Amino acid sequence: MPYSVRFVRWHSTGKCKSISDERYKALQGENVHWFCVNCNKGTRHIWQALSKLEARHVKLEEELREMKDSTVSLKKDIDEKINSVTDTMLQELELTIYEKKVEQELSRKEESNAEALKGLAVP
């Protein structure tokens, strides 16, 4: 029995002013969608809404892809800055440690020189 689709409900030809059984059978095939005149009025709005929804979906996917790319780029920038700051801090720490060692060595040499001078002093 021929039918048209409206809001996922099935209607018989008697309720929809539809086409004959023979014509409907001829229309049955892969990727063929048929709506009676009455049902077609409502389905046009559904198809338009579906088309708009699909366009919004595509746009959202593009925006999501852009956000993901932006996030990856931002993470890369942050990682580079962290590495740069870390390297700078390590260099400063190494320099500070070196300076402390030099100061300690100078202090030891000064003490050693002072001791040596005491031994050379004339009584």
PDB file of N, CA and C in Angstrom:
ATOM      1  N   MET A   1       0.847  -1.172   0.000  1.00  0.00           N
ATOM      2  CA  MET A   1       0.000   0.000   0.000  1.00  0.00           C
ATOM      3  C   MET A   1       0.897   1.240   0.000  1.00  0.00           C
ATOM      4  N   PRO A   2       0.678   2.203  -0.867  1.00  0.00           N
ATOM      5  CA  PRO A   2       1.506   3.403  -0.932  1.00  0.00           C
ATOM      6  C   PRO A   2       1.389   4.219   0.349  1.00  0.00           C
ATOM      7  N   TYR A   3       2.442   4.974   0.612  1.00  0.00           N
ATOM      8  CA  TYR A   3       2.453   5.794   1.817  1.00  0.00           C
ATOM      9  C   TYR A   3       3.350   7.003   1.591  1.00  0.00           C
ATOM     10  N   SER A   4       3.180   7.991   2.409  1.00  0.00           N
ATOM     11  CA  SER A   4       4.121   9.108   2.431  1.00  0.00           C
ATOM     12  C   SER A   4       4.592   9.242   3.872  1.00  0.00           C
ATOM     13  N   VAL A   5       5.718   9.877   4.030  1.00  0.00           N
ATOM     14  CA  VAL A   5       6.295  10.004   5.357  1.00  0.00           C
ATOM     15  C   VAL A   5       6.047  11.421   5.860  1.00  0.00           C
ATOM     16  N   ARG A   6       5.586  11.515   7.085  1.00  0.00           N
ATOM     17  CA  ARG A   6       5.403  12.826   7.719  1.00  0.00           C
ATOM     18  C   ARG A   6       5.667  12.641   9.199  1.00  0.00           C
ATOM     19  N   PHE A   7       6.728  13.265   9.673  1.00  0.00           N
ATOM     20  CA  PHE A   7       7.108  13.143  11.067  1.00  0.00           C
ATOM     21  C   PHE A   7       7.229  11.676  11.489  1.00  0.00           C
ATOM     22  N   VAL A   8       7.778  10.874  10.637  1.00  0.00           N
ATOM     23  CA  VAL A   8       8.040   9.460  10.870  1.00  0.00           C
ATOM     24  C   VAL A   8       6.747   8.687  11.151  1.00  0.00           C
ATOM     25  N   ARG A   9       5.666   9.073  10.530  1.00  0.00           N
ATOM     26  CA  ARG A   9       4.405   8.330  10.619  1.00  0.00           C
ATOM     27  C   ARG A   9       4.031   7.841   9.228  1.00  0.00           C
ATOM     28  N   TRP A  10       3.423   6.708   9.153  1.00  0.00           N
ATOM     29  CA  TRP A  10       3.032   6.135   7.873  1.00  0.00           C
ATOM     30  C   TRP A  10       1.560   6.437   7.624  1.00  0.00           C
ATOM     31  N   HIS A  11       1.250   6.797   6.410  1.00  0.00           N
ATOM     32  CA  HIS A  11      -0.141   7.112   6.042  1.00  0.00           C
ATOM     33  C   HIS A  11      -0.533   6.287   4.831  1.00  0.00           C
ATOM     34  N   SER A  12      -1.739   5.865   4.791  1.00  0.00           N
ATOM     35  CA  SER A  12      -2.206   5.115   3.625  1.00  0.00           C
ATOM     36  C   SER A  12      -2.639   6.089   2.541  1.00  0.00           C
ATOM     37  N   THR A  13      -2.827   5.572   1.332  1.00  0.00           N
ATOM     38  CA  THR A  13      -3.235   6.430   0.219  1.00  0.00           C
ATOM     39  C   THR A  13      -4.610   7.036   0.481  1.00  0.00           C
ATOM     40  N   GLY A  14      -5.439   6.370   1.196  1.00  0.00           N
ATOM     41  CA  GLY A  14      -6.769   6.902   1.474  1.00  0.00           C
ATOM     42  C   GLY A  14      -6.721   8.127   2.361  1.00  0.00           C
ATOM     43  N   LYS A  15      -5.778   8.202   3.270  1.00  0.00           N
ATOM     44  CA  LYS A  15      -5.688   9.334   4.187  1.00  0.00           C
ATOM     45  C   LYS A  15      -4.897  10.499   3.597  1.00  0.00           C
ATOM     46  N   CYS A  16      -4.097  10.276   2.603  1.00  0.00           N
ATOM     47  CA  CYS A  16      -3.180  11.303   2.118  1.00  0.00           C
ATOM     48  C   CYS A  16      -3.485  11.837   0.731  1.00  0.00           C
ATOM     49  N   LYS A  17      -4.536  11.436   0.102  1.00  0.00           N
ATOM     50  CA  LYS A  17      -4.781  11.852  -1.283  1.00  0.00           C
ATOM     51  C   LYS A  17      -3.571  11.492  -2.128  1.00  0.00           C
ATOM     52  N   SER A  18      -3.070  10.297  -1.957  1.00  0.00           N
ATOM     53  CA  SER A  18      -1.811   9.925  -2.593  1.00  0.00           C
ATOM     54  C   SER A  18      -2.032   9.353  -3.986  1.00  0.00           C
ATOM     55  N   ILE A  19      -0.975   8.850  -4.527  1.00  0.00           N
ATOM     56  CA  ILE A  19      -0.989   8.303  -5.879  1.00  0.00           C
ATOM     57  C   ILE A  19      -1.455   6.856  -5.844  1.00  0.00           C
ATOM     58  N   SER A  20      -1.644   6.317  -7.015  1.00  0.00           N
ATOM     59  CA  SER A  20      -2.110   4.925  -7.119  1.00  0.00           C
ATOM     60  C   SER A  20      -0.998   3.969  -6.693  1.00  0.00           C
ATOM     61  N   ASP A  21      -1.436   2.744  -6.388  1.00  0.00           N
ATOM     62  CA  ASP A  21      -0.463   1.728  -5.984  1.00  0.00           C
ATOM     63  C   ASP A  21       0.571   1.500  -7.073  1.00  0.00           C
ATOM     64  N   GLU A  22       0.139   1.481  -8.325  1.00  0.00           N
ATOM     65  CA  GLU A  22       1.054   1.229  -9.449  1.00  0.00           C
ATOM     66  C   GLU A  22       2.104   2.340  -9.561  1.00  0.00           C
ATOM     67  N   ARG A  23       1.640   3.577  -9.458  1.00  0.00           N
ATOM     68  CA  ARG A  23       2.575   4.693  -9.570  1.00  0.00           C
ATOM     69  C   ARG A  23       3.545   4.692  -8.383  1.00  0.00           C
ATOM     70  N   TYR A  24       3.029   4.398  -7.205  1.00  0.00           N
ATOM     71  CA  TYR A  24       3.885   4.374  -6.023  1.00  0.00           C
ATOM     72  C   TYR A  24       4.951   3.293  -6.154  1.00  0.00           C
ATOM     73  N   LYS A  25       4.544   2.114  -6.643  1.00  0.00           N
ATOM     74  CA  LYS A  25       5.517   1.032  -6.834  1.00  0.00           C
ATOM     75  C   LYS A  25       6.591   1.455  -7.830  1.00  0.00           C
ATOM     76  N   ALA A  26       6.200   2.223  -8.841  1.00  0.00           N
ATOM     77  CA  ALA A  26       7.175   2.703  -9.821  1.00  0.00           C
ATOM     78  C   ALA A  26       8.161   3.679  -9.171  1.00  0.00           C
ATOM     79  N   LEU A  27       7.680   4.433  -8.198  1.00  0.00           N
ATOM     80  CA  LEU A  27       8.550   5.395  -7.514  1.00  0.00           C
ATOM     81  C   LEU A  27       9.454   4.727  -6.477  1.00  0.00           C
ATOM     82  N   GLN A  28       9.074   3.553  -6.018  1.00  0.00           N
ATOM     83  CA  GLN A  28       9.894   2.872  -5.024  1.00  0.00           C
ATOM     84  C   GLN A  28      11.229   2.503  -5.653  1.00  0.00           C
ATOM     85  N   GLY A  29      12.240   2.906  -5.036  1.00  0.00           N
ATOM     86  CA  GLY A  29      13.575   2.615  -5.543  1.00  0.00           C
ATOM     87  C   GLY A  29      14.583   3.227  -4.613  1.00  0.00           C
ATOM     88  N   GLU A  30      15.782   2.995  -4.943  1.00  0.00           N
ATOM     89  CA  GLU A  30      16.849   3.500  -4.107  1.00  0.00           C
ATOM     90  C   GLU A  30      16.908   5.024  -4.181  1.00  0.00           C
ATOM     91  N   ASN A  31      16.961   5.668  -3.016  1.00  0.00           N
ATOM     92  CA  ASN A  31      17.076   7.119  -2.906  1.00  0.00           C
ATOM     93  C   ASN A  31      15.902   7.890  -3.491  1.00  0.00           C
ATOM     94  N   VAL A  32      14.717   7.291  -3.554  1.00  0.00           N
ATOM     95  CA  VAL A  32      13.529   8.004  -4.010  1.00  0.00           C
ATOM     96  C   VAL A  32      12.652   8.259  -2.798  1.00  0.00           C
ATOM     97  N   HIS A  33      12.296   9.527  -2.621  1.00  0.00           N
ATOM     98  CA  HIS A  33      11.431   9.909  -1.507  1.00  0.00           C
ATOM     99  C   HIS A  33      10.206  10.586  -2.096  1.00  0.00           C
ATOM    100  N   TRP A  34       9.033  10.116  -1.699  1.00  0.00           N
ATOM    101  CA  TRP A  34       7.814  10.699  -2.217  1.00  0.00           C
ATOM    102  C   TRP A  34       6.934  11.134  -1.062  1.00  0.00           C
ATOM    103  N   PHE A  35       6.332  12.315  -1.211  1.00  0.00           N
ATOM    104  CA  PHE A  35       5.386  12.838  -0.248  1.00  0.00           C
ATOM    105  C   PHE A  35       4.143  13.290  -0.990  1.00  0.00           C
ATOM    106  N   CYS A  36       3.006  13.012  -0.407  1.00  0.00           N
ATOM    107  CA  CYS A  36       1.770  13.486  -1.019  1.00  0.00           C
ATOM    108  C   CYS A  36       1.711  15.010  -0.899  1.00  0.00           C
ATOM    109  N   VAL A  37       0.781  15.633  -1.582  1.00  0.00           N
ATOM    110  CA  VAL A  37       0.678  17.089  -1.593  1.00  0.00           C
ATOM    111  C   VAL A  37       0.512  17.634  -0.172  1.00  0.00           C
ATOM    112  N   ASN A  38      -0.367  17.037   0.596  1.00  0.00           N
ATOM    113  CA  ASN A  38      -0.604  17.529   1.956  1.00  0.00           C
ATOM    114  C   ASN A  38       0.632  17.363   2.849  1.00  0.00           C
ATOM    115  N   CYS A  39       1.239  16.215   2.781  1.00  0.00           N
ATOM    116  CA  CYS A  39       2.412  15.961   3.617  1.00  0.00           C
ATOM    117  C   CYS A  39       3.612  16.770   3.146  1.00  0.00           C
ATOM    118  N   ASN A  40       3.696  17.028   1.857  1.00  0.00           N
ATOM    119  CA  ASN A  40       4.818  17.767   1.304  1.00  0.00           C
ATOM    120  C   ASN A  40       4.893  19.180   1.874  1.00  0.00           C
ATOM    121  N   LYS A  41       3.747  19.763   2.190  1.00  0.00           N
ATOM    122  CA  LYS A  41       3.727  21.113   2.774  1.00  0.00           C
ATOM    123  C   LYS A  41       4.516  21.136   4.081  1.00  0.00           C
ATOM    124  N   GLY A  42       4.332  20.152   4.901  1.00  0.00           N
ATOM    125  CA  GLY A  42       5.051  20.084   6.176  1.00  0.00           C
ATOM    126  C   GLY A  42       6.492  19.644   6.026  1.00  0.00           C
ATOM    127  N   THR A  43       6.748  18.758   5.091  1.00  0.00           N
ATOM    128  CA  THR A  43       8.102  18.238   4.935  1.00  0.00           C
ATOM    129  C   THR A  43       9.051  19.282   4.371  1.00  0.00           C
ATOM    130  N   ARG A  44       8.543  20.238   3.597  1.00  0.00           N
ATOM    131  CA  ARG A  44       9.402  21.282   3.048  1.00  0.00           C
ATOM    132  C   ARG A  44      10.099  22.021   4.199  1.00  0.00           C
ATOM    133  N   HIS A  45       9.345  22.320   5.249  1.00  0.00           N
ATOM    134  CA  HIS A  45       9.916  23.004   6.405  1.00  0.00           C
ATOM    135  C   HIS A  45      10.936  22.117   7.118  1.00  0.00           C
ATOM    136  N   ILE A  46      10.643  20.833   7.175  1.00  0.00           N
ATOM    137  CA  ILE A  46      11.581  19.903   7.817  1.00  0.00           C
ATOM    138  C   ILE A  46      12.882  19.855   7.030  1.00  0.00           C
ATOM    139  N   TRP A  47      12.783  19.758   5.698  1.00  0.00           N
ATOM    140  CA  TRP A  47      13.986  19.704   4.867  1.00  0.00           C
ATOM    141  C   TRP A  47      14.782  20.998   4.974  1.00  0.00           C
ATOM    142  N   GLN A  48      14.097  22.135   5.016  1.00  0.00           N
ATOM    143  CA  GLN A  48      14.793  23.414   5.165  1.00  0.00           C
ATOM    144  C   GLN A  48      15.507  23.484   6.522  1.00  0.00           C
ATOM    145  N   ALA A  49      14.805  23.064   7.562  1.00  0.00           N
ATOM    146  CA  ALA A  49      15.410  23.074   8.897  1.00  0.00           C
ATOM    147  C   ALA A  49      16.602  22.123   8.951  1.00  0.00           C
ATOM    148  N   LEU A  50      16.447  20.958   8.335  1.00  0.00           N
ATOM    149  CA  LEU A  50      17.540  19.984   8.303  1.00  0.00           C
ATOM    150  C   LEU A  50      18.739  20.542   7.539  1.00  0.00           C
ATOM    151  N   SER A  51      18.479  21.222   6.451  1.00  0.00           N
ATOM    152  CA  SER A  51      19.551  21.824   5.662  1.00  0.00           C
ATOM    153  C   SER A  51      20.283  22.887   6.478  1.00  0.00           C
ATOM    154  N   LYS A  52      19.537  23.736   7.187  1.00  0.00           N
ATOM    155  CA  LYS A  52      20.146  24.756   8.040  1.00  0.00           C
ATOM    156  C   LYS A  52      20.945  24.104   9.167  1.00  0.00           C
ATOM    157  N   LEU A  53      20.387  23.058   9.733  1.00  0.00           N
ATOM    158  CA  LEU A  53      21.065  22.352  10.810  1.00  0.00           C
ATOM    159  C   LEU A  53      22.379  21.753  10.317  1.00  0.00           C
ATOM    160  N   GLU A  54      22.355  21.181   9.132  1.00  0.00           N
ATOM    161  CA  GLU A  54      23.574  20.604   8.564  1.00  0.00           C
ATOM    162  C   GLU A  54      24.621  21.694   8.330  1.00  0.00           C
ATOM    163  N   ALA A  55      24.194  22.854   7.819  1.00  0.00           N
ATOM    164  CA  ALA A  55      25.124  23.960   7.594  1.00  0.00           C
ATOM    165  C   ALA A  55      25.727  24.425   8.920  1.00  0.00           C
ATOM    166  N   ARG A  56      24.916  24.516   9.963  1.00  0.00           N
ATOM    167  CA  ARG A  56      25.420  24.907  11.279  1.00  0.00           C
ATOM    168  C   ARG A  56      26.401  23.865  11.812  1.00  0.00           C
ATOM    169  N   HIS A  57      26.086  22.598  11.574  1.00  0.00           N
ATOM    170  CA  HIS A  57      26.957  21.513  12.025  1.00  0.00           C
ATOM    171  C   HIS A  57      28.323  21.614  11.343  1.00  0.00           C
ATOM    172  N   VAL A  58      28.328  21.854  10.046  1.00  0.00           N
ATOM    173  CA  VAL A  58      29.582  21.986   9.304  1.00  0.00           C
ATOM    174  C   VAL A  58      30.378  23.183   9.835  1.00  0.00           C
ATOM    175  N   LYS A  59      29.667  24.304  10.068  1.00  0.00           N
ATOM    176  CA  LYS A  59      30.341  25.493  10.589  1.00  0.00           C
ATOM    177  C   LYS A  59      30.933  25.225  11.972  1.00  0.00           C
ATOM    178  N   LEU A  60      30.189  24.536  12.834  1.00  0.00           N
ATOM    179  CA  LEU A  60      30.694  24.206  14.168  1.00  0.00           C
ATOM    180  C   LEU A  60      31.911  23.291  14.096  1.00  0.00           C
ATOM    181  N   GLU A  61      31.883  22.337  13.177  1.00  0.00           N
ATOM    182  CA  GLU A  61      33.041  21.452  13.015  1.00  0.00           C
ATOM    183  C   GLU A  61      34.267  22.245  12.577  1.00  0.00           C
ATOM    184  N   GLU A  62      34.068  23.210  11.651  1.00  0.00           N
ATOM    185  CA  GLU A  62      35.181  24.042  11.208  1.00  0.00           C
ATOM    186  C   GLU A  62      35.715  24.881  12.369  1.00  0.00           C
ATOM    187  N   GLU A  63      34.808  25.482  13.147  1.00  0.00           N
ATOM    188  CA  GLU A  63      35.233  26.289  14.294  1.00  0.00           C
ATOM    189  C   GLU A  63      35.964  25.424  15.314  1.00  0.00           C
ATOM    190  N   LEU A  64      35.473  24.218  15.537  1.00  0.00           N
ATOM    191  CA  LEU A  64      36.124  23.302  16.473  1.00  0.00           C
ATOM    192  C   LEU A  64      37.522  22.941  15.982  1.00  0.00           C
ATOM    193  N   ARG A  65      37.655  22.692  14.687  1.00  0.00           N
ATOM    194  CA  ARG A  65      38.957  22.369  14.107  1.00  0.00           C
ATOM    195  C   ARG A  65      39.913  23.556  14.278  1.00  0.00           C
ATOM    196  N   GLU A  66      39.408  24.786  14.031  1.00  0.00           N
ATOM    197  CA  GLU A  66      40.231  25.981  14.200  1.00  0.00           C
ATOM    198  C   GLU A  66      40.646  26.146  15.662  1.00  0.00           C
ATOM    199  N   MET A  67      39.716  25.903  16.578  1.00  0.00           N
ATOM    200  CA  MET A  67      40.030  26.016  18.003  1.00  0.00           C
ATOM    201  C   MET A  67      41.077  24.983  18.398  1.00  0.00           C
ATOM    202  N   LYS A  68      40.951  23.779  17.862  1.00  0.00           N
ATOM    203  CA  LYS A  68      41.921  22.728  18.172  1.00  0.00           C
ATOM    204  C   LYS A  68      43.301  23.128  17.660  1.00  0.00           C
ATOM    205  N   ASP A  69      43.348  23.632  16.411  1.00  0.00           N
ATOM    206  CA  ASP A  69      44.628  24.070  15.850  1.00  0.00           C
ATOM    207  C   ASP A  69      45.216  25.207  16.673  1.00  0.00           C
ATOM    208  N   SER A  70      44.359  26.128  17.068  1.00  0.00           N
ATOM    209  CA  SER A  70      44.795  27.262  17.881  1.00  0.00           C
ATOM    210  C   SER A  70      45.325  26.785  19.233  1.00  0.00           C
ATOM    211  N   THR A  71      44.636  25.832  19.825  1.00  0.00           N
ATOM    212  CA  THR A  71      45.051  25.289  21.116  1.00  0.00           C
ATOM    213  C   THR A  71      46.401  24.593  21.001  1.00  0.00           C
ATOM    214  N   VAL A  72      46.588  23.829  19.930  1.00  0.00           N
ATOM    215  CA  VAL A  72      47.866  23.139  19.715  1.00  0.00           C
ATOM    216  C   VAL A  72      48.977  24.167  19.552  1.00  0.00           C
ATOM    217  N   SER A  73      48.705  25.221  18.782  1.00  0.00           N
ATOM    218  CA  SER A  73      49.694  26.271  18.569  1.00  0.00           C
ATOM    219  C   SER A  73      50.006  26.995  19.875  1.00  0.00           C
ATOM    220  N   LEU A  74      48.973  27.296  20.647  1.00  0.00           N
ATOM    221  CA  LEU A  74      49.155  27.966  21.927  1.00  0.00           C
ATOM    222  C   LEU A  74      49.980  27.101  22.881  1.00  0.00           C
ATOM    223  N   LYS A  75      49.681  25.810  22.923  1.00  0.00           N
ATOM    224  CA  LYS A  75      50.440  24.892  23.785  1.00  0.00           C
ATOM    225  C   LYS A  75      51.909  24.878  23.369  1.00  0.00           C
ATOM    226  N   LYS A  76      52.152  24.861  22.073  1.00  0.00           N
ATOM    227  CA  LYS A  76      53.525  24.863  21.578  1.00  0.00           C
ATOM    228  C   LYS A  76      54.241  26.136  22.021  1.00  0.00           C
ATOM    229  N   ASP A  77      53.565  27.284  21.886  1.00  0.00           N
ATOM    230  CA  ASP A  77      54.159  28.558  22.316  1.00  0.00           C
ATOM    231  C   ASP A  77      54.458  28.552  23.810  1.00  0.00           C
ATOM    232  N   ILE A  78      53.518  28.065  24.597  1.00  0.00           N
ATOM    233  CA  ILE A  78      53.703  28.010  26.051  1.00  0.00           C
ATOM    234  C   ILE A  78      54.873  27.094  26.403  1.00  0.00           C
ATOM    235  N   ASP A  79      54.927  25.926  25.763  1.00  0.00           N
ATOM    236  CA  ASP A  79      56.032  24.994  26.019  1.00  0.00           C
ATOM    237  C   ASP A  79      57.381  25.636  25.688  1.00  0.00           C
ATOM    238  N   GLU A  80      57.430  26.365  24.563  1.00  0.00           N
ATOM    239  CA  GLU A  80      58.678  27.020  24.177  1.00  0.00           C
ATOM    240  C   GLU A  80      59.069  28.079  25.202  1.00  0.00           C
ATOM    241  N   LYS A  81      58.087  28.850  25.679  1.00  0.00           N
ATOM    242  CA  LYS A  81      58.387  29.878  26.676  1.00  0.00           C
ATOM    243  C   LYS A  81      58.820  29.256  27.993  1.00  0.00           C
ATOM    244  N   ILE A  82      58.167  28.188  28.399  1.00  0.00           N
ATOM    245  CA  ILE A  82      58.558  27.490  29.635  1.00  0.00           C
ATOM    246  C   ILE A  82      59.985  26.972  29.506  1.00  0.00           C
ATOM    247  N   ASN A  83      60.291  26.367  28.370  1.00  0.00           N
ATOM    248  CA  ASN A  83      61.653  25.849  28.154  1.00  0.00           C
ATOM    249  C   ASN A  83      62.676  26.980  28.172  1.00  0.00           C
ATOM    250  N   SER A  84      62.325  28.103  27.563  1.00  0.00           N
ATOM    251  CA  SER A  84      63.231  29.246  27.530  1.00  0.00           C
ATOM    252  C   SER A  84      63.471  29.787  28.947  1.00  0.00           C
ATOM    253  N   VAL A  85      62.392  29.957  29.699  1.00  0.00           N
ATOM    254  CA  VAL A  85      62.519  30.446  31.076  1.00  0.00           C
ATOM    255  C   VAL A  85      63.299  29.454  31.925  1.00  0.00           C
ATOM    256  N   THR A  86      63.020  28.179  31.747  1.00  0.00           N
ATOM    257  CA  THR A  86      63.728  27.144  32.498  1.00  0.00           C
ATOM    258  C   THR A  86      65.220  27.175  32.182  1.00  0.00           C
ATOM    259  N   ASP A  87      65.556  27.302  30.890  1.00  0.00           N
ATOM    260  CA  ASP A  87      66.964  27.377  30.496  1.00  0.00           C
ATOM    261  C   ASP A  87      67.631  28.602  31.114  1.00  0.00           C
ATOM    262  N   THR A  88      66.950  29.740  31.070  1.00  0.00           N
ATOM    263  CA  THR A  88      67.500  30.971  31.650  1.00  0.00           C
ATOM    264  C   THR A  88      67.710  30.808  33.149  1.00  0.00           C
ATOM    265  N   MET A  89      66.727  30.242  33.829  1.00  0.00           N
ATOM    266  CA  MET A  89      66.853  30.040  35.274  1.00  0.00           C
ATOM    267  C   MET A  89      67.993  29.089  35.602  1.00  0.00           C
ATOM    268  N   LEU A  90      68.150  28.036  34.811  1.00  0.00           N
ATOM    269  CA  LEU A  90      69.255  27.095  35.040  1.00  0.00           C
ATOM    270  C   LEU A  90      70.602  27.782  34.840  1.00  0.00           C
ATOM    271  N   GLN A  91      70.701  28.604  33.802  1.00  0.00           N
ATOM    272  CA  GLN A  91      71.954  29.329  33.557  1.00  0.00           C
ATOM    273  C   GLN A  91      72.262  30.275  34.716  1.00  0.00           C
ATOM    274  N   GLU A  92      71.233  30.974  35.191  1.00  0.00           N
ATOM    275  CA  GLU A  92      71.428  31.892  36.319  1.00  0.00           C
ATOM    276  C   GLU A  92      71.825  31.124  37.577  1.00  0.00           C
ATOM    277  N   LEU A  93      71.218  29.980  37.787  1.00  0.00           N
ATOM    278  CA  LEU A  93      71.547  29.160  38.947  1.00  0.00           C
ATOM    279  C   LEU A  93      72.988  28.653  38.852  1.00  0.00           C
ATOM    280  N   GLU A  94      73.372  28.187  37.677  1.00  0.00           N
ATOM    281  CA  GLU A  94      74.743  27.716  37.481  1.00  0.00           C
ATOM    282  C   GLU A  94      75.737  28.851  37.720  1.00  0.00           C
ATOM    283  N   LEU A  95      75.400  30.051  37.241  1.00  0.00           N
ATOM    284  CA  LEU A  95      76.266  31.210  37.442  1.00  0.00           C
ATOM    285  C   LEU A  95      76.364  31.555  38.924  1.00  0.00           C
ATOM    286  N   THR A  96      75.251  31.520  39.615  1.00  0.00           N
ATOM    287  CA  THR A  96      75.242  31.805  41.055  1.00  0.00           C
ATOM    288  C   THR A  96      76.094  30.784  41.805  1.00  0.00           C
ATOM    289  N   ILE A  97      75.945  29.531  41.461  1.00  0.00           N
ATOM    290  CA  ILE A  97      76.745  28.477  42.104  1.00  0.00           C
ATOM    291  C   ILE A  97      78.235  28.708  41.827  1.00  0.00           C
ATOM    292  N   TYR A  98      78.561  29.043  40.587  1.00  0.00           N
ATOM    293  CA  TYR A  98      79.950  29.311  40.218  1.00  0.00           C
ATOM    294  C   TYR A  98      80.497  30.502  41.010  1.00  0.00           C
ATOM    295  N   GLU A  99      79.685  31.576  41.089  1.00  0.00           N
ATOM    296  CA  GLU A  99      80.111  32.764  41.835  1.00  0.00           C
ATOM    297  C   GLU A  99      80.357  32.426  43.305  1.00  0.00           C
ATOM    298  N   LYS A 100      79.480  31.599  43.885  1.00  0.00           N
ATOM    299  CA  LYS A 100      79.650  31.191  45.286  1.00  0.00           C
ATOM    300  C   LYS A 100      80.957  30.412  45.453  1.00  0.00           C
ATOM    301  N   LYS A 101      81.225  29.514  44.512  1.00  0.00           N
ATOM    302  CA  LYS A 101      82.469  28.739  44.590  1.00  0.00           C
ATOM    303  C   LYS A 101      83.690  29.651  44.488  1.00  0.00           C
ATOM    304  N   VAL A 102      83.612  30.632  43.573  1.00  0.00           N
ATOM    305  CA  VAL A 102      84.726  31.567  43.408  1.00  0.00           C
ATOM    306  C   VAL A 102      84.909  32.372  44.688  1.00  0.00           C
ATOM    307  N   GLU A 103      83.810  32.853  45.277  1.00  0.00           N
ATOM    308  CA  GLU A 103      83.885  33.610  46.528  1.00  0.00           C
ATOM    309  C   GLU A 103      84.509  32.761  47.635  1.00  0.00           C
ATOM    310  N   GLN A 104      84.104  31.491  47.721  1.00  0.00           N
ATOM    311  CA  GLN A 104      84.664  30.605  48.744  1.00  0.00           C
ATOM    312  C   GLN A 104      86.163  30.401  48.521  1.00  0.00           C
ATOM    313  N   GLU A 105      86.532  30.200  47.269  1.00  0.00           N
ATOM    314  CA  GLU A 105      87.949  29.996  46.954  1.00  0.00           C
ATOM    315  C   GLU A 105      88.759  31.251  47.285  1.00  0.00           C
ATOM    316  N   LEU A 106      88.224  32.428  46.948  1.00  0.00           N
ATOM    317  CA  LEU A 106      88.912  33.682  47.283  1.00  0.00           C
ATOM    318  C   LEU A 106      89.041  33.847  48.787  1.00  0.00           C
ATOM    319  N   SER A 107      87.991  33.501  49.503  1.00  0.00           N
ATOM    320  CA  SER A 107      88.012  33.598  50.963  1.00  0.00           C
ATOM    321  C   SER A 107      89.077  32.671  51.533  1.00  0.00           C
ATOM    322  N   ARG A 108      89.159  31.453  51.004  1.00  0.00           N
ATOM    323  CA  ARG A 108      90.187  30.506  51.464  1.00  0.00           C
ATOM    324  C   ARG A 108      91.586  31.051  51.174  1.00  0.00           C
ATOM    325  N   LYS A 109      91.772  31.602  50.000  1.00  0.00           N
ATOM    326  CA  LYS A 109      93.092  32.131  49.617  1.00  0.00           C
ATOM    327  C   LYS A 109      93.453  33.332  50.494  1.00  0.00           C
ATOM    328  N   GLU A 110      92.457  34.176  50.774  1.00  0.00           N
ATOM    329  CA  GLU A 110      92.717  35.326  51.649  1.00  0.00           C
ATOM    330  C   GLU A 110      93.128  34.850  53.041  1.00  0.00           C
ATOM    331  N   GLU A 111      92.426  33.842  53.548  1.00  0.00           N
ATOM    332  CA  GLU A 111      92.772  33.290  54.871  1.00  0.00           C
ATOM    333  C   GLU A 111      94.163  32.672  54.836  1.00  0.00           C
ATOM    334  N   SER A 112      94.416  31.958  53.747  1.00  0.00           N
ATOM    335  CA  SER A 112      95.732  31.323  53.610  1.00  0.00           C
ATOM    336  C   SER A 112      96.826  32.384  53.531  1.00  0.00           C
ATOM    337  N   ASN A 113      96.571  33.441  52.780  1.00  0.00           N
ATOM    338  CA  ASN A 113      97.559  34.540  52.656  1.00  0.00           C
ATOM    339  C   ASN A 113      97.747  35.234  54.005  1.00  0.00           C
ATOM    340  N   ALA A 114      96.656  35.424  54.734  1.00  0.00           N
ATOM    341  CA  ALA A 114      96.738  36.075  56.046  1.00  0.00           C
ATOM    342  C   ALA A 114      97.592  35.227  56.986  1.00  0.00           C
ATOM    343  N   GLU A 115      97.412  33.921  56.939  1.00  0.00           N
ATOM    344  CA  GLU A 115      98.201  33.009  57.792  1.00  0.00           C
ATOM    345  C   GLU A 115      99.668  33.076  57.398  1.00  0.00           C
ATOM    346  N   ALA A 116      99.873  33.123  56.080  1.00  0.00           N
ATOM    347  CA  ALA A 116     101.253  33.176  55.598  1.00  0.00           C
ATOM    348  C   ALA A 116     101.919  34.468  56.006  1.00  0.00           C
ATOM    349  N   LEU A 117     101.179  35.551  55.946  1.00  0.00           N
ATOM    350  CA  LEU A 117     101.731  36.836  56.335  1.00  0.00           C
ATOM    351  C   LEU A 117     102.029  36.884  57.831  1.00  0.00           C
ATOM    352  N   LYS A 118     101.224  36.240  58.645  1.00  0.00           N
ATOM    353  CA  LYS A 118     101.476  36.182  60.093  1.00  0.00           C
ATOM    354  C   LYS A 118     102.794  35.479  60.379  1.00  0.00           C
ATOM    355  N   GLY A 119     103.043  34.447  59.589  1.00  0.00           N
ATOM    356  CA  GLY A 119     104.289  33.692  59.779  1.00  0.00           C
ATOM    357  C   GLY A 119     105.489  34.497  59.338  1.00  0.00           C
ATOM    358  N   LEU A 120     105.320  35.414  58.441  1.00  0.00           N
ATOM    359  CA  LEU A 120     106.430  36.233  57.939  1.00  0.00           C
ATOM    360  C   LEU A 120     106.629  37.498  58.784  1.00  0.00           C
ATOM    361  N   ALA A 121     105.742  37.784  59.571  1.00  0.00           N
ATOM    362  CA  ALA A 121     105.820  39.026  60.347  1.00  0.00           C
ATOM    363  C   ALA A 121     107.029  38.991  61.270  1.00  0.00           C
ATOM    364  N   VAL A 122     107.679  40.136  61.416  1.00  0.00           N
ATOM    365  CA  VAL A 122     108.864  40.263  62.261  1.00  0.00           C
ATOM    366  C   VAL A 122     108.390  40.471  63.693  1.00  0.00           C
ATOM    367  N   PRO A 123     108.947  39.712  64.624  1.00  0.00           N
ATOM    368  CA  PRO A 123     108.547  39.887  66.024  1.00  0.00           C
ATOM    369  C   PRO A 123     109.228  41.016  66.722  1.00  0.00           C
TER     370      PRO A 123
END
